[in-house]
Protein backbone atom coordinates (compact mmCIF):
# COMPACT_ATOMS: atom_id res chain seq x y z
CA UNK A 1 -54.49 1.01 27.68
CA UNK A 2 -50.99 -0.35 27.11
CA UNK A 3 -49.04 1.09 24.25
CA UNK A 4 -48.49 -2.35 22.62
CA UNK A 5 -52.17 -2.91 22.07
CA UNK A 6 -52.54 -0.01 19.64
CA UNK A 7 -50.40 -1.48 16.77
CA UNK A 8 -52.01 -4.85 17.32
CA UNK A 9 -55.45 -3.42 17.11
CA UNK A 10 -54.58 -1.59 13.86
CA UNK A 11 -52.80 -4.59 12.37
CA UNK A 12 -55.85 -6.77 13.01
CA UNK A 13 -58.13 -4.31 11.28
CA UNK A 14 -55.86 -3.73 8.28
CA UNK A 15 -55.27 -7.42 7.78
CA UNK A 16 -59.00 -8.31 7.42
CA UNK A 17 -59.68 -9.99 4.05
CA UNK A 18 -60.59 -7.50 1.30
CA UNK A 19 -60.09 -4.50 3.54
CA UNK A 20 -57.84 -1.62 2.47
CA UNK A 21 -56.59 1.02 4.93
CA UNK A 22 -58.96 3.66 3.65
CA UNK A 23 -61.91 1.27 4.12
CA UNK A 24 -61.37 0.46 7.78
CA UNK A 25 -64.83 0.95 9.35
CA UNK A 26 -65.06 3.42 12.23
CA UNK A 27 -65.59 2.15 15.80
CA UNK A 28 -68.86 2.81 17.58
CA UNK A 29 -69.27 6.55 17.88
CA UNK A 30 -68.63 7.88 21.37
CA UNK A 31 -70.82 10.58 22.90
CA UNK A 32 -69.92 14.11 21.66
CA UNK A 33 -67.27 15.54 23.94
CA UNK A 34 -65.56 18.87 24.40
CA UNK A 35 -62.50 19.71 26.45
CA UNK A 36 -59.14 17.98 26.85
CA UNK A 37 -58.78 14.42 25.55
CA UNK A 38 -56.00 12.43 27.25
CA UNK A 39 -54.49 9.29 25.65
CA UNK A 40 -51.97 7.92 23.20
CA UNK A 41 -51.54 9.05 19.61
CA UNK A 42 -50.09 6.93 16.83
CA UNK A 43 -49.12 7.86 13.23
CA UNK A 44 -50.01 5.12 10.77
CA UNK A 45 -48.94 6.16 7.31
CA UNK A 46 -50.83 9.45 6.85
CA UNK A 47 -53.46 8.63 9.46
CA UNK A 48 -53.49 9.75 13.03
CA UNK A 49 -55.08 7.37 15.53
CA UNK A 50 -55.97 8.38 19.13
CA UNK A 51 -56.60 5.89 21.92
CA UNK A 52 -58.14 7.45 25.04
CA UNK A 53 -56.77 6.57 28.46
CA UNK A 54 -58.69 3.83 30.30
CA UNK A 55 -60.76 3.12 27.16
CA UNK A 56 -60.37 0.38 24.53
CA UNK A 57 -61.82 2.49 21.71
CA UNK A 58 -59.92 4.58 19.25
CA UNK A 59 -60.60 7.67 17.12
CA UNK A 60 -59.23 9.15 13.95
CA UNK A 61 -57.66 12.55 14.53
CA UNK A 62 -58.11 15.69 12.36
CA UNK A 63 -55.79 18.59 13.10
CA UNK A 64 -57.85 21.75 12.83
CA UNK A 65 -55.34 23.98 14.69
CA UNK A 66 -53.98 27.10 12.98
CA UNK A 67 -51.50 26.03 10.31
CA UNK A 68 -51.63 22.43 11.53
CA UNK A 69 -49.41 23.42 14.47
CA UNK A 70 -50.51 20.45 16.66
CA UNK A 71 -49.22 17.74 14.32
CA UNK A 72 -46.15 19.78 13.48
CA UNK A 73 -45.24 20.14 17.08
CA UNK A 74 -45.86 16.43 17.78
CA UNK A 75 -43.62 15.46 14.86
CA UNK A 76 -40.87 17.71 16.19
CA UNK A 77 -41.26 15.91 19.54
CA UNK A 78 -40.76 12.54 17.79
CA UNK A 79 -44.14 11.31 16.57
CA UNK A 80 -43.57 8.85 13.66
CA UNK A 81 -44.70 5.46 12.41
CA UNK A 82 -44.51 3.01 15.21
CA UNK A 83 -43.60 5.54 17.88
CA UNK A 84 -46.69 6.77 19.80
CA UNK A 85 -46.74 9.65 22.25
CA UNK A 86 -48.84 10.53 25.29
CA UNK A 87 -50.94 13.59 24.39
CA UNK A 88 -53.55 15.90 25.88
CA UNK A 89 -55.46 17.47 23.00
CA UNK A 90 -57.93 20.33 23.26
CA UNK A 91 -60.84 19.60 20.95
CA UNK A 92 -64.12 17.86 20.35
CA UNK A 93 -64.91 14.26 19.45
CA UNK A 94 -67.93 13.00 17.58
CA UNK A 95 -68.74 10.11 15.26
CA UNK A 96 -65.35 8.46 15.72
CA UNK A 97 -63.38 11.61 14.88
CA UNK A 98 -61.38 13.83 17.25
CA UNK A 99 -60.89 17.32 15.97
CA UNK A 100 -57.80 18.77 17.70
CA UNK A 101 -57.92 22.57 18.13
CA UNK A 102 -54.77 22.90 20.23
CA UNK A 103 -52.18 20.96 22.26
CA UNK A 104 -52.17 21.14 26.00
CA UNK A 105 -49.38 18.65 26.78
CA UNK A 106 -47.47 15.85 25.10
CA UNK A 107 -44.66 13.52 26.32
CA UNK A 108 -42.45 10.94 24.72
CA UNK A 109 -43.28 8.57 27.62
CA UNK A 110 -46.23 6.87 25.83
CA UNK A 111 -48.29 5.63 28.72
CA UNK A 112 -51.27 6.87 30.67
CA UNK A 113 -50.68 8.02 34.20
CA UNK A 114 -53.04 8.01 37.16
CA UNK A 115 -55.66 10.85 37.13
CA UNK A 116 -54.21 14.07 38.49
CA UNK A 117 -55.31 15.20 41.90
CA UNK A 118 -54.12 18.81 41.60
CA UNK A 119 -56.57 21.68 41.66
CA UNK A 120 -54.11 24.17 40.30
CA UNK A 121 -54.54 26.16 37.12
CA UNK A 122 -50.99 26.01 35.77
CA UNK A 123 -47.80 24.02 35.55
CA UNK A 124 -44.63 25.13 33.83
CA UNK A 125 -41.07 23.85 33.44
CA UNK A 126 -37.78 24.81 31.85
CA UNK A 127 -34.17 24.19 32.15
CA UNK A 128 -33.63 23.29 35.88
CA UNK A 129 -36.83 24.88 37.10
CA UNK A 130 -40.48 23.90 37.73
CA UNK A 131 -43.56 25.91 38.65
CA UNK A 132 -46.97 24.72 39.93
CA UNK A 133 -50.01 26.46 41.24
CA UNK A 134 -52.45 24.97 43.79
CA UNK A 135 -55.24 26.92 45.26
CA UNK A 136 -53.96 30.45 45.86
CA UNK A 137 -50.26 29.37 46.11
CA UNK A 138 -47.52 29.28 43.56
CA UNK A 139 -44.57 26.94 44.08
CA UNK A 140 -41.30 27.41 42.27
CA UNK A 141 -38.34 24.97 42.35
CA UNK A 142 -34.98 25.96 40.88
CA UNK A 143 -31.91 23.78 40.29
CA UNK A 144 -33.13 21.09 42.62
CA UNK A 145 -33.14 23.46 45.58
CA UNK A 146 -35.81 24.06 48.21
CA UNK A 147 -39.30 24.97 47.06
CA UNK A 148 -40.32 28.62 47.21
CA UNK A 149 -44.03 28.96 47.88
CA UNK A 150 -46.04 32.14 48.03
CA UNK A 151 -49.42 33.57 47.22
CA UNK A 152 -50.00 34.73 43.68
CA UNK A 153 -52.38 36.69 41.50
CA UNK A 154 -53.34 36.00 37.88
CA UNK A 155 -54.39 38.49 35.23
CA UNK A 156 -55.90 37.24 31.98
CA UNK A 157 -54.68 39.92 29.60
CA UNK A 158 -56.49 38.26 26.63
CA UNK A 159 -57.49 34.69 25.69
CA UNK A 160 -53.96 33.94 24.55
CA UNK A 161 -52.01 35.67 27.38
CA UNK A 162 -51.96 35.10 31.12
CA UNK A 163 -49.76 36.97 33.65
CA UNK A 164 -48.92 35.74 37.14
CA UNK A 165 -47.29 37.56 40.04
CA UNK A 166 -45.91 35.88 43.16
CA UNK A 167 -43.56 37.57 45.61
CA UNK A 168 -40.46 38.62 43.71
CA UNK A 169 -41.39 36.57 40.63
CA UNK A 170 -43.52 37.55 37.56
CA UNK A 171 -44.62 35.30 34.75
CA UNK A 172 -46.22 35.60 31.28
CA UNK A 173 -47.73 32.58 29.54
CA UNK A 174 -48.49 32.93 25.80
CA UNK A 175 -50.69 30.47 23.93
CA UNK A 176 -48.42 28.99 21.25
CA UNK A 177 -46.74 25.58 20.73
CA UNK A 178 -43.69 25.12 22.98
CA UNK A 179 -41.16 22.33 22.64
CA UNK A 180 -38.82 21.17 25.44
CA UNK A 181 -37.16 18.45 23.42
CA UNK A 182 -34.33 17.77 25.85
CA UNK A 183 -36.89 16.91 28.54
CA UNK A 184 -39.12 14.92 26.17
CA UNK A 185 -42.25 17.09 26.29
CA UNK A 186 -44.18 19.81 24.39
CA UNK A 187 -47.10 22.04 25.42
CA UNK A 188 -49.51 24.61 24.07
CA UNK A 189 -48.12 27.57 26.05
CA UNK A 190 -44.78 29.30 26.14
CA UNK A 191 -43.62 30.55 29.53
CA UNK A 192 -41.35 33.48 30.36
CA UNK A 193 -40.63 34.70 33.88
CA UNK A 194 -38.27 36.34 36.26
CA UNK A 195 -37.52 35.19 39.74
CA UNK A 196 -35.02 36.98 42.06
CA UNK A 197 -33.73 38.85 39.03
CA UNK A 198 -33.08 35.70 37.04
CA UNK A 199 -34.78 35.32 33.66
CA UNK A 200 -36.46 31.93 33.16
CA UNK A 201 -37.98 30.49 29.96
CA UNK A 202 -39.87 27.23 29.36
CA UNK A 203 -43.24 25.76 28.56
CA UNK A 204 -46.55 25.86 30.42
CA UNK A 205 -49.75 23.84 30.36
CA UNK A 206 -53.06 23.30 32.23
CA UNK A 207 -53.02 20.44 34.76
């Protein structure tokens, strides 16, 4: 769905005769859904509206994350009236409402991309480095140089901590909001690692 359609859809609803913002009727309820919801999010006054990718419906959003960290992170990234973001929200939708438990990924480029083909468990990025996993391989690119690819192992220390080892690099991903404002994205995991003796920090997410 194109970004420009969201404000037009809302404007049409709010302009209906005798209809106030708080009285906008909900759209037809989608089937209950759990997992990661991918789409565009728009702030309209105090209301959050979510439009799923490849779907002309929309849902109201309720932030049920600890301390409202999802919306707080999105606002730090740039979410404001008239400025939507692309988001991937972990949660459950039912009866026209998406309850967001956590953020997986968000970007200031407010458009839906083609479905991902990767089978990897992780992606991460920081200042001049990128990490991806695919199958049993971990690929690390630093400073625009050649990719370094090697086998890796993963240890799930607890539900909020994952540790990866690959050759001479070691990584720890912690589940907490992470903002990479200079690159225009935010995620739900903070990444710290070391490769060839060099400390690296950034943000991680699930592809």
